[in-house]
């Protein structure tokens, strides 16, 4: 059924396996995004039994408890995918993918605006003393590099999450197609007999 740390509560409960559907895949994608944002999966335990019990029963800690600087939009997507009650997990893989794509676009636009603003600020700076100008440029470059690195980190996380979401959607579609083909072959064999 999958890696226990990314299993949905209905997958981790042997009495609820009939409830497993595409929403379990949404949970798994949310768990991957959660780990990308926080550096840890939603649940961590020393034993497999303890991990499965957490998956079945423990609440998922909000992303910002582990990573206060995580972008709110990405944290909301991860938490929306990790809704414990199967019937309340209404976020679809498509909506998750769309949300990640929107974040990537917005982050790229924000980065371009920041770069342009930083260029304008640097162009307006005048200094009479060469040494002061050199120090100011070094500080501005270090500041810009730090901001760019932080921005690129979230952009990379979001891009990786989009890839995971697309791969998950492709996998789910392929799985459904195989199941339909198997059912059709079974029906054909039954008709032949």
N, C-alpha and C. Protein backbone atom coordinates (compact mmCIF):
# COMPACT_ATOMS: atom_id res chain seq x y z
N UNK A 1 0.80 -1.20 0.00
CA UNK A 1 0.00 0.00 0.00
C UNK A 1 0.84 1.26 0.00
N UNK A 2 2.10 1.19 0.41
CA UNK A 2 2.92 2.38 0.37
C UNK A 2 3.82 2.49 1.58
N UNK A 3 4.57 3.59 1.64
CA UNK A 3 5.48 3.87 2.74
C UNK A 3 4.67 4.36 3.93
N UNK A 4 4.79 3.74 5.08
CA UNK A 4 3.94 4.07 6.23
C UNK A 4 3.92 5.56 6.60
N UNK A 5 5.05 6.24 6.50
CA UNK A 5 5.09 7.66 6.88
C UNK A 5 4.22 8.52 5.97
N UNK A 6 3.88 8.01 4.79
CA UNK A 6 3.09 8.78 3.83
C UNK A 6 1.69 8.19 3.62
N UNK A 7 1.38 7.14 4.38
CA UNK A 7 0.07 6.51 4.26
C UNK A 7 -1.02 7.39 4.84
N UNK A 8 -2.17 7.32 4.22
CA UNK A 8 -3.34 8.01 4.77
C UNK A 8 -3.87 7.19 5.95
N UNK A 9 -4.65 7.83 6.82
CA UNK A 9 -5.20 7.09 7.97
C UNK A 9 -6.01 5.86 7.54
N UNK A 10 -6.76 5.97 6.44
CA UNK A 10 -7.56 4.81 6.00
C UNK A 10 -6.68 3.68 5.48
N UNK A 11 -5.49 3.99 4.96
CA UNK A 11 -4.58 2.94 4.51
C UNK A 11 -3.92 2.26 5.70
N UNK A 12 -3.67 3.02 6.76
CA UNK A 12 -2.97 2.48 7.93
C UNK A 12 -3.89 1.67 8.84
N UNK A 13 -5.19 1.71 8.59
CA UNK A 13 -6.16 1.01 9.42
C UNK A 13 -6.72 -0.17 8.63
N UNK A 14 -6.38 -1.40 9.03
CA UNK A 14 -6.84 -2.57 8.28
C UNK A 14 -8.37 -2.67 8.17
N UNK A 15 -9.08 -2.03 9.09
CA UNK A 15 -10.55 -2.07 9.05
C UNK A 15 -11.13 -1.05 8.08
N UNK A 16 -10.30 -0.18 7.52
CA UNK A 16 -10.82 0.89 6.66
C UNK A 16 -10.29 0.82 5.23
N UNK A 17 -9.67 -0.29 4.83
CA UNK A 17 -9.07 -0.35 3.49
C UNK A 17 -10.08 -0.18 2.38
N UNK A 18 -11.35 -0.46 2.63
CA UNK A 18 -12.38 -0.25 1.60
C UNK A 18 -12.56 1.23 1.29
N UNK A 19 -12.14 2.10 2.18
CA UNK A 19 -12.27 3.55 1.97
C UNK A 19 -11.14 4.12 1.10
N UNK A 20 -10.11 3.33 0.83
CA UNK A 20 -8.95 3.84 0.10
C UNK A 20 -9.34 4.17 -1.34
N UNK A 21 -9.12 5.41 -1.72
CA UNK A 21 -9.36 5.86 -3.09
C UNK A 21 -8.35 6.95 -3.42
N UNK A 22 -8.64 7.78 -4.42
CA UNK A 22 -7.67 8.82 -4.84
C UNK A 22 -7.35 9.82 -3.73
N UNK A 23 -8.21 9.92 -2.73
CA UNK A 23 -7.92 10.84 -1.62
C UNK A 23 -6.72 10.35 -0.79
N UNK A 24 -6.45 9.05 -0.84
CA UNK A 24 -5.24 8.53 -0.17
C UNK A 24 -3.99 9.05 -0.89
N UNK A 25 -4.07 9.18 -2.22
CA UNK A 25 -2.95 9.73 -2.99
C UNK A 25 -2.77 11.22 -2.67
N UNK A 26 -3.87 11.92 -2.49
CA UNK A 26 -3.79 13.34 -2.11
C UNK A 26 -3.09 13.46 -0.76
N UNK A 27 -3.45 12.59 0.19
CA UNK A 27 -2.78 12.58 1.50
C UNK A 27 -1.28 12.38 1.31
N UNK A 28 -0.90 11.38 0.50
CA UNK A 28 0.52 11.09 0.30
C UNK A 28 1.26 12.29 -0.30
N UNK A 29 0.64 12.95 -1.27
CA UNK A 29 1.26 14.15 -1.86
C UNK A 29 1.38 15.25 -0.81
N UNK A 30 0.37 15.39 0.03
CA UNK A 30 0.43 16.38 1.11
C UNK A 30 1.55 16.05 2.09
N UNK A 31 1.74 14.76 2.38
CA UNK A 31 2.81 14.35 3.30
C UNK A 31 4.18 14.67 2.71
N UNK A 32 4.33 14.46 1.40
CA UNK A 32 5.60 14.79 0.74
C UNK A 32 5.84 16.31 0.80
N UNK A 33 4.81 17.10 0.49
CA UNK A 33 4.94 18.55 0.55
C UNK A 33 5.25 19.00 1.98
N UNK A 34 4.59 18.39 2.96
CA UNK A 34 4.84 18.70 4.38
C UNK A 34 6.32 18.48 4.71
N UNK A 35 6.85 17.35 4.25
CA UNK A 35 8.26 17.04 4.53
C UNK A 35 9.19 18.01 3.80
N UNK A 36 8.84 18.38 2.56
CA UNK A 36 9.65 19.36 1.85
C UNK A 36 9.69 20.70 2.59
N UNK A 37 8.57 21.08 3.18
CA UNK A 37 8.49 22.36 3.88
C UNK A 37 9.14 22.34 5.26
N UNK A 38 9.00 21.22 5.97
CA UNK A 38 9.45 21.17 7.37
C UNK A 38 10.75 20.41 7.57
N UNK A 39 11.13 19.61 6.60
CA UNK A 39 12.33 18.78 6.76
C UNK A 39 12.06 17.48 7.48
N UNK A 40 10.78 17.18 7.72
CA UNK A 40 10.42 15.93 8.40
C UNK A 40 9.03 15.50 7.95
N UNK A 41 8.76 14.20 7.94
CA UNK A 41 7.40 13.75 7.58
C UNK A 41 6.40 14.15 8.66
N UNK A 42 5.11 14.08 8.36
CA UNK A 42 4.09 14.47 9.34
C UNK A 42 4.15 13.66 10.64
N UNK A 43 4.57 12.41 10.55
CA UNK A 43 4.65 11.56 11.74
C UNK A 43 6.00 10.88 11.78
N UNK A 44 6.57 10.80 12.98
CA UNK A 44 7.86 10.16 13.20
C UNK A 44 7.72 9.30 14.44
N UNK A 45 8.19 8.04 14.36
CA UNK A 45 8.13 7.14 15.51
C UNK A 45 9.30 6.17 15.45
N UNK A 46 9.58 5.54 16.59
CA UNK A 46 10.70 4.59 16.67
C UNK A 46 10.36 3.23 16.09
N UNK A 47 9.08 2.85 16.11
CA UNK A 47 8.70 1.54 15.60
C UNK A 47 7.61 1.70 14.54
N UNK A 48 7.47 0.68 13.73
CA UNK A 48 6.45 0.69 12.68
C UNK A 48 5.05 0.75 13.30
N UNK A 49 4.83 -0.02 14.37
CA UNK A 49 3.51 -0.02 15.02
C UNK A 49 3.17 1.37 15.57
N UNK A 50 4.15 2.00 16.21
CA UNK A 50 3.92 3.34 16.76
C UNK A 50 3.65 4.34 15.63
N UNK A 51 4.38 4.20 14.52
CA UNK A 51 4.18 5.09 13.38
C UNK A 51 2.77 4.91 12.81
N UNK A 52 2.35 3.67 12.62
CA UNK A 52 1.02 3.41 12.07
C UNK A 52 -0.08 3.92 13.02
N UNK A 53 0.16 3.79 14.33
CA UNK A 53 -0.83 4.30 15.28
C UNK A 53 -0.93 5.83 15.18
N UNK A 54 0.22 6.50 15.03
CA UNK A 54 0.19 7.96 14.85
C UNK A 54 -0.57 8.34 13.59
N UNK A 55 -0.30 7.62 12.50
CA UNK A 55 -0.97 7.92 11.24
C UNK A 55 -2.49 7.76 11.41
N UNK A 56 -2.90 6.71 12.12
CA UNK A 56 -4.33 6.46 12.31
C UNK A 56 -4.98 7.47 13.25
N UNK A 57 -4.26 7.95 14.29
CA UNK A 57 -4.92 8.66 15.37
C UNK A 57 -4.38 10.05 15.70
N UNK A 58 -3.10 10.30 15.50
CA UNK A 58 -2.50 11.56 15.97
C UNK A 58 -2.83 12.72 15.03
N UNK A 59 -3.02 13.90 15.59
CA UNK A 59 -3.23 15.06 14.73
C UNK A 59 -1.92 15.46 14.04
N UNK A 60 -2.03 16.03 12.86
CA UNK A 60 -0.86 16.51 12.13
C UNK A 60 -0.53 17.91 12.67
N UNK A 61 0.70 18.09 13.11
CA UNK A 61 1.11 19.41 13.61
C UNK A 61 1.14 20.39 12.44
N UNK A 62 0.68 21.61 12.65
CA UNK A 62 0.73 22.60 11.57
C UNK A 62 2.17 22.80 11.09
N UNK A 63 2.30 23.06 9.80
CA UNK A 63 3.62 23.25 9.19
C UNK A 63 4.42 24.30 9.95
N UNK A 64 3.78 25.40 10.33
CA UNK A 64 4.51 26.50 10.96
C UNK A 64 5.02 26.18 12.37
N UNK A 65 4.57 25.08 12.97
CA UNK A 65 5.16 24.65 14.24
C UNK A 65 6.59 24.15 14.03
N UNK A 66 6.85 23.59 12.86
CA UNK A 66 8.19 23.06 12.56
C UNK A 66 9.01 24.02 11.71
N UNK A 67 8.33 24.83 10.88
CA UNK A 67 9.03 25.76 9.98
C UNK A 67 8.25 27.06 9.90
N UNK A 68 8.51 27.98 10.85
CA UNK A 68 7.75 29.23 10.88
C UNK A 68 7.89 30.08 9.61
N UNK A 69 8.97 29.90 8.87
CA UNK A 69 9.20 30.70 7.67
C UNK A 69 8.60 30.10 6.41
N UNK A 70 7.94 28.96 6.53
CA UNK A 70 7.35 28.32 5.34
C UNK A 70 6.27 29.24 4.75
N UNK A 71 6.22 29.34 3.44
CA UNK A 71 5.19 30.19 2.83
C UNK A 71 3.79 29.69 3.20
N UNK A 72 2.93 30.61 3.61
CA UNK A 72 1.57 30.28 4.06
C UNK A 72 0.82 29.49 2.98
N UNK A 73 0.96 29.90 1.70
CA UNK A 73 0.23 29.24 0.62
C UNK A 73 0.61 27.76 0.52
N UNK A 74 1.89 27.44 0.64
CA UNK A 74 2.33 26.05 0.57
C UNK A 74 1.91 25.28 1.83
N UNK A 75 2.02 25.93 2.99
CA UNK A 75 1.59 25.29 4.23
C UNK A 75 0.11 24.95 4.17
N UNK A 76 -0.70 25.87 3.64
CA UNK A 76 -2.15 25.63 3.52
C UNK A 76 -2.43 24.45 2.59
N UNK A 77 -1.66 24.34 1.50
CA UNK A 77 -1.86 23.21 0.58
C UNK A 77 -1.53 21.88 1.27
N UNK A 78 -0.40 21.85 1.96
CA UNK A 78 0.00 20.62 2.65
C UNK A 78 -1.04 20.24 3.69
N UNK A 79 -1.45 21.21 4.49
CA UNK A 79 -2.42 20.93 5.55
C UNK A 79 -3.79 20.56 4.98
N UNK A 80 -4.15 21.14 3.83
CA UNK A 80 -5.42 20.79 3.18
C UNK A 80 -5.42 19.36 2.67
N UNK A 81 -4.26 18.89 2.24
CA UNK A 81 -4.16 17.51 1.76
C UNK A 81 -4.12 16.52 2.92
N UNK A 82 -3.75 16.99 4.10
CA UNK A 82 -3.59 16.11 5.26
C UNK A 82 -4.78 16.19 6.23
N UNK A 83 -5.96 16.40 5.68
CA UNK A 83 -7.17 16.38 6.51
C UNK A 83 -7.42 14.93 6.92
N UNK A 84 -7.51 14.69 8.21
CA UNK A 84 -7.59 13.32 8.73
C UNK A 84 -8.82 12.56 8.24
N UNK A 85 -10.00 13.17 8.31
CA UNK A 85 -11.24 12.46 7.93
C UNK A 85 -11.31 12.32 6.42
N UNK A 86 -11.32 11.09 5.98
CA UNK A 86 -11.35 10.74 4.55
C UNK A 86 -12.43 11.50 3.81
N UNK A 87 -13.62 11.54 4.39
CA UNK A 87 -14.75 12.19 3.71
C UNK A 87 -14.61 13.71 3.69
N UNK A 88 -13.79 14.29 4.57
CA UNK A 88 -13.58 15.74 4.60
C UNK A 88 -12.38 16.18 3.77
N UNK A 89 -11.63 15.23 3.24
CA UNK A 89 -10.44 15.55 2.45
C UNK A 89 -10.89 15.87 1.02
N UNK A 90 -11.27 17.11 0.81
CA UNK A 90 -11.88 17.52 -0.46
C UNK A 90 -10.88 18.06 -1.46
N UNK A 91 -9.65 18.33 -1.03
CA UNK A 91 -8.63 18.82 -1.95
C UNK A 91 -8.29 17.71 -2.94
N UNK A 92 -8.32 18.02 -4.22
CA UNK A 92 -8.00 17.02 -5.25
C UNK A 92 -6.53 17.15 -5.66
N UNK A 93 -6.01 16.12 -6.34
CA UNK A 93 -4.65 16.19 -6.85
C UNK A 93 -4.52 17.35 -7.83
N UNK A 94 -5.55 17.59 -8.63
CA UNK A 94 -5.53 18.69 -9.59
C UNK A 94 -5.47 20.03 -8.86
N UNK A 95 -6.29 20.20 -7.82
CA UNK A 95 -6.28 21.44 -7.06
C UNK A 95 -4.93 21.65 -6.37
N UNK A 96 -4.34 20.57 -5.88
CA UNK A 96 -3.03 20.64 -5.25
C UNK A 96 -1.99 21.07 -6.28
N UNK A 97 -2.03 20.45 -7.45
CA UNK A 97 -1.11 20.80 -8.53
C UNK A 97 -1.30 22.25 -8.97
N UNK A 98 -2.55 22.68 -9.11
CA UNK A 98 -2.83 24.07 -9.50
C UNK A 98 -2.31 25.05 -8.45
N UNK A 99 -2.50 24.72 -7.18
CA UNK A 99 -2.02 25.59 -6.10
C UNK A 99 -0.51 25.70 -6.10
N UNK A 100 0.17 24.58 -6.34
CA UNK A 100 1.63 24.60 -6.40
C UNK A 100 2.12 25.41 -7.60
N UNK A 101 1.45 25.22 -8.73
CA UNK A 101 1.81 25.98 -9.94
C UNK A 101 1.61 27.47 -9.72
N UNK A 102 0.53 27.84 -9.08
CA UNK A 102 0.26 29.26 -8.80
C UNK A 102 1.35 29.83 -7.89
N UNK A 103 1.77 29.05 -6.91
CA UNK A 103 2.84 29.53 -6.02
C UNK A 103 4.13 29.74 -6.79
N UNK A 104 4.48 28.78 -7.66
CA UNK A 104 5.71 28.89 -8.44
C UNK A 104 5.66 30.15 -9.31
N UNK A 105 4.53 30.38 -9.99
CA UNK A 105 4.40 31.59 -10.82
C UNK A 105 4.53 32.85 -9.99
N UNK A 106 3.83 32.91 -8.87
CA UNK A 106 3.88 34.10 -8.01
C UNK A 106 5.28 34.32 -7.46
N UNK A 107 5.96 33.24 -7.06
CA UNK A 107 7.31 33.37 -6.52
C UNK A 107 8.27 33.89 -7.60
N UNK A 108 8.12 33.40 -8.82
CA UNK A 108 8.98 33.87 -9.92
C UNK A 108 8.72 35.35 -10.20
N UNK A 109 7.45 35.76 -10.20
CA UNK A 109 7.12 37.17 -10.42
C UNK A 109 7.65 38.04 -9.28
N UNK A 110 7.49 37.60 -8.06
CA UNK A 110 7.98 38.34 -6.90
C UNK A 110 9.49 38.49 -6.97
N UNK A 111 10.17 37.43 -7.35
CA UNK A 111 11.64 37.49 -7.46
C UNK A 111 12.05 38.48 -8.54
N UNK A 112 11.36 38.51 -9.66
CA UNK A 112 11.68 39.47 -10.72
C UNK A 112 11.46 40.91 -10.24
N UNK A 113 10.38 41.14 -9.51
CA UNK A 113 10.11 42.49 -8.97
C UNK A 113 11.19 42.88 -7.97
N UNK A 114 11.57 41.94 -7.11
CA UNK A 114 12.63 42.23 -6.14
C UNK A 114 13.94 42.59 -6.83
N UNK A 115 14.29 41.79 -7.85
CA UNK A 115 15.53 42.06 -8.58
C UNK A 115 15.49 43.45 -9.20
N UNK A 116 14.36 43.79 -9.82
CA UNK A 116 14.22 45.10 -10.45
C UNK A 116 14.30 46.22 -9.41
N UNK A 117 13.64 46.05 -8.28
CA UNK A 117 13.69 47.05 -7.23
C UNK A 117 15.11 47.20 -6.69
N UNK A 118 15.80 46.06 -6.49
CA UNK A 118 17.17 46.11 -6.01
C UNK A 118 18.07 46.83 -7.01
N UNK A 119 17.84 46.60 -8.30
CA UNK A 119 18.62 47.30 -9.33
C UNK A 119 18.35 48.80 -9.28
N UNK A 120 17.07 49.17 -9.11
CA UNK A 120 16.72 50.59 -9.06
C UNK A 120 17.34 51.26 -7.84
N UNK A 121 17.28 50.58 -6.71
CA UNK A 121 17.87 51.14 -5.48
C UNK A 121 19.38 51.30 -5.67
N UNK A 122 20.02 50.28 -6.24
CA UNK A 122 21.47 50.35 -6.46
C UNK A 122 21.82 51.47 -7.42
N UNK A 123 20.99 51.69 -8.46
CA UNK A 123 21.25 52.74 -9.45
C UNK A 123 21.12 54.13 -8.83
N UNK A 124 20.22 54.30 -7.86
CA UNK A 124 20.00 55.59 -7.21
C UNK A 124 21.06 55.93 -6.17
N UNK A 125 21.75 54.92 -5.72
CA UNK A 125 22.74 55.15 -4.67
C UNK A 125 23.94 55.93 -5.22
N UNK A 126 24.24 56.98 -4.55
CA UNK A 126 25.45 57.73 -4.91
C UNK A 126 26.29 57.88 -3.66
N UNK A 127 27.54 57.84 -3.85
CA UNK A 127 28.43 58.02 -2.71
C UNK A 127 29.64 58.80 -3.17
N UNK A 128 30.08 59.69 -2.39
CA UNK A 128 31.25 60.49 -2.74
C UNK A 128 32.53 59.75 -2.39
N UNK A 129 32.46 58.93 -1.42
CA UNK A 129 33.66 58.22 -0.99
C UNK A 129 33.68 56.83 -1.61
N UNK A 130 34.72 56.49 -2.36
CA UNK A 130 34.83 55.19 -3.04
C UNK A 130 34.72 54.03 -2.05
N UNK A 131 35.31 54.20 -0.89
CA UNK A 131 35.27 53.13 0.09
C UNK A 131 33.85 52.89 0.59
N UNK A 132 33.07 53.96 0.83
CA UNK A 132 31.68 53.80 1.28
C UNK A 132 30.85 53.12 0.20
N UNK A 133 31.10 53.50 -1.06
CA UNK A 133 30.35 52.85 -2.16
C UNK A 133 30.66 51.37 -2.22
N UNK A 134 31.93 51.04 -2.08
CA UNK A 134 32.31 49.62 -2.16
C UNK A 134 31.66 48.83 -1.02
N UNK A 135 31.68 49.39 0.20
CA UNK A 135 31.05 48.71 1.33
C UNK A 135 29.55 48.56 1.12
N UNK A 136 28.91 49.63 0.66
CA UNK A 136 27.47 49.57 0.42
C UNK A 136 27.11 48.53 -0.64
N UNK A 137 27.91 48.46 -1.70
CA UNK A 137 27.65 47.49 -2.76
C UNK A 137 27.83 46.06 -2.24
N UNK A 138 28.84 45.87 -1.40
CA UNK A 138 29.05 44.54 -0.84
C UNK A 138 27.88 44.13 0.05
N UNK A 139 27.41 45.07 0.88
CA UNK A 139 26.27 44.77 1.74
C UNK A 139 25.01 44.49 0.92
N UNK A 140 24.78 45.33 -0.10
CA UNK A 140 23.59 45.13 -0.94
C UNK A 140 23.65 43.80 -1.67
N UNK A 141 24.84 43.45 -2.17
CA UNK A 141 24.98 42.17 -2.89
C UNK A 141 24.76 40.99 -1.94
N UNK A 142 25.30 41.09 -0.73
CA UNK A 142 25.11 40.01 0.25
C UNK A 142 23.65 39.90 0.63
N UNK A 143 23.01 41.04 0.83
CA UNK A 143 21.58 41.05 1.16
C UNK A 143 20.76 40.45 0.02
N UNK A 144 21.05 40.85 -1.20
CA UNK A 144 20.31 40.34 -2.37
C UNK A 144 20.54 38.83 -2.52
N UNK A 145 21.80 38.40 -2.33
CA UNK A 145 22.11 36.97 -2.43
C UNK A 145 21.33 36.17 -1.39
N UNK A 146 21.29 36.69 -0.15
CA UNK A 146 20.56 35.99 0.92
C UNK A 146 19.07 35.89 0.59
N UNK A 147 18.48 36.99 0.13
CA UNK A 147 17.06 36.97 -0.21
C UNK A 147 16.80 36.06 -1.40
N UNK A 148 17.68 36.12 -2.39
CA UNK A 148 17.50 35.28 -3.57
C UNK A 148 17.61 33.80 -3.20
N UNK A 149 18.55 33.46 -2.32
CA UNK A 149 18.70 32.06 -1.90
C UNK A 149 17.46 31.58 -1.17
N UNK A 150 16.91 32.41 -0.27
CA UNK A 150 15.68 32.01 0.44
C UNK A 150 14.53 31.84 -0.54
N UNK A 151 14.41 32.77 -1.45
CA UNK A 151 13.32 32.71 -2.43
C UNK A 151 13.47 31.49 -3.33
N UNK A 152 14.68 31.24 -3.77
CA UNK A 152 14.91 30.09 -4.66
C UNK A 152 14.66 28.77 -3.93
N UNK A 153 14.94 28.74 -2.63
CA UNK A 153 14.69 27.51 -1.86
C UNK A 153 13.21 27.15 -1.92
N UNK A 154 12.34 28.14 -1.66
CA UNK A 154 10.91 27.85 -1.69
C UNK A 154 10.44 27.56 -3.09
N UNK A 155 11.03 28.23 -4.06
CA UNK A 155 10.68 27.98 -5.45
C UNK A 155 11.06 26.55 -5.84
N UNK A 156 12.23 26.10 -5.40
CA UNK A 156 12.67 24.73 -5.69
C UNK A 156 11.76 23.71 -5.00
N UNK A 157 11.38 24.00 -3.76
CA UNK A 157 10.48 23.09 -3.04
C UNK A 157 9.15 23.00 -3.76
N UNK A 158 8.62 24.15 -4.17
CA UNK A 158 7.33 24.15 -4.86
C UNK A 158 7.43 23.42 -6.20
N UNK A 159 8.53 23.65 -6.93
CA UNK A 159 8.71 22.97 -8.21
C UNK A 159 8.80 21.45 -8.00
N UNK A 160 9.53 21.03 -6.97
CA UNK A 160 9.62 19.60 -6.68
C UNK A 160 8.25 19.04 -6.31
N UNK A 161 7.49 19.80 -5.58
CA UNK A 161 6.15 19.35 -5.20
C UNK A 161 5.24 19.24 -6.42
N UNK A 162 5.38 20.16 -7.38
CA UNK A 162 4.59 20.08 -8.61
C UNK A 162 4.94 18.80 -9.35
N UNK A 163 6.24 18.50 -9.43
CA UNK A 163 6.67 17.27 -10.10
C UNK A 163 6.08 16.05 -9.39
N UNK A 164 6.13 16.06 -8.07
CA UNK A 164 5.56 14.94 -7.30
C UNK A 164 4.06 14.84 -7.54
N UNK A 165 3.37 15.97 -7.55
CA UNK A 165 1.92 15.95 -7.78
C UNK A 165 1.59 15.43 -9.16
N UNK A 166 2.34 15.87 -10.16
CA UNK A 166 2.09 15.39 -11.52
C UNK A 166 2.39 13.90 -11.65
N UNK A 167 3.50 13.48 -11.03
CA UNK A 167 3.85 12.05 -11.07
C UNK A 167 2.78 11.23 -10.35
N UNK A 168 2.30 11.74 -9.22
CA UNK A 168 1.25 11.03 -8.49
C UNK A 168 -0.02 10.92 -9.31
N UNK A 169 -0.39 12.01 -9.99
CA UNK A 169 -1.58 11.98 -10.84
C UNK A 169 -1.42 10.99 -11.98
N UNK A 170 -0.24 10.99 -12.61
CA UNK A 170 0.03 10.06 -13.69
C UNK A 170 -0.02 8.63 -13.18
N UNK A 171 0.59 8.40 -12.02
CA UNK A 171 0.57 7.06 -11.45
C UNK A 171 -0.86 6.62 -11.17
N UNK A 172 -1.66 7.49 -10.56
CA UNK A 172 -3.03 7.14 -10.22
C UNK A 172 -3.83 6.84 -11.49
N UNK A 173 -3.68 7.67 -12.51
CA UNK A 173 -4.40 7.44 -13.76
C UNK A 173 -3.99 6.12 -14.39
N UNK A 174 -2.71 5.84 -14.42
CA UNK A 174 -2.21 4.58 -14.97
C UNK A 174 -2.75 3.40 -14.17
N UNK A 175 -2.76 3.53 -12.86
CA UNK A 175 -3.26 2.46 -11.99
C UNK A 175 -4.74 2.20 -12.28
N UNK A 176 -5.52 3.27 -12.40
CA UNK A 176 -6.95 3.12 -12.68
C UNK A 176 -7.16 2.45 -14.05
N UNK A 177 -6.37 2.86 -15.05
CA UNK A 177 -6.49 2.28 -16.38
C UNK A 177 -6.16 0.78 -16.34
N UNK A 178 -5.09 0.41 -15.61
CA UNK A 178 -4.73 -1.01 -15.50
C UNK A 178 -5.83 -1.82 -14.82
N UNK A 179 -6.40 -1.25 -13.78
CA UNK A 179 -7.49 -1.95 -13.09
C UNK A 179 -8.68 -2.16 -14.03
N UNK A 180 -9.01 -1.15 -14.82
CA UNK A 180 -10.12 -1.27 -15.76
C UNK A 180 -9.81 -2.33 -16.81
N UNK A 181 -8.56 -2.34 -17.32
CA UNK A 181 -8.18 -3.34 -18.31
C UNK A 181 -8.22 -4.75 -17.72
N UNK A 182 -7.77 -4.89 -16.46
CA UNK A 182 -7.81 -6.20 -15.82
C UNK A 182 -9.24 -6.66 -15.64
N UNK A 183 -10.11 -5.76 -15.24
CA UNK A 183 -11.51 -6.12 -15.05
C UNK A 183 -12.13 -6.52 -16.39
N UNK A 184 -11.77 -5.82 -17.44
CA UNK A 184 -12.30 -6.14 -18.77
C UNK A 184 -11.81 -7.51 -19.23
N UNK A 185 -10.51 -7.80 -19.01
CA UNK A 185 -9.99 -9.12 -19.38
C UNK A 185 -10.67 -10.22 -18.58
N UNK A 186 -10.91 -9.98 -17.30
CA UNK A 186 -11.57 -10.95 -16.44
C UNK A 186 -12.99 -11.22 -16.97
N UNK A 187 -13.69 -10.15 -17.35
CA UNK A 187 -15.04 -10.29 -17.88
C UNK A 187 -15.01 -11.05 -19.19
N UNK A 188 -14.02 -10.77 -20.06
CA UNK A 188 -13.90 -11.49 -21.33
C UNK A 188 -13.66 -12.97 -21.09
N UNK A 189 -12.79 -13.29 -20.12
CA UNK A 189 -12.51 -14.71 -19.82
C UNK A 189 -13.77 -15.39 -19.29
N UNK A 190 -14.54 -14.67 -18.48
CA UNK A 190 -15.76 -15.23 -17.93
C UNK A 190 -16.77 -15.51 -19.05
N UNK A 191 -16.84 -14.63 -20.04
CA UNK A 191 -17.76 -14.83 -21.16
C UNK A 191 -17.34 -16.00 -22.03
N UNK A 192 -16.01 -16.20 -22.18
CA UNK A 192 -15.50 -17.29 -23.01
C UNK A 192 -15.81 -18.63 -22.37
N UNK A 193 -15.74 -18.70 -21.05
CA UNK A 193 -15.99 -19.95 -20.35
C UNK A 193 -17.45 -20.21 -20.43
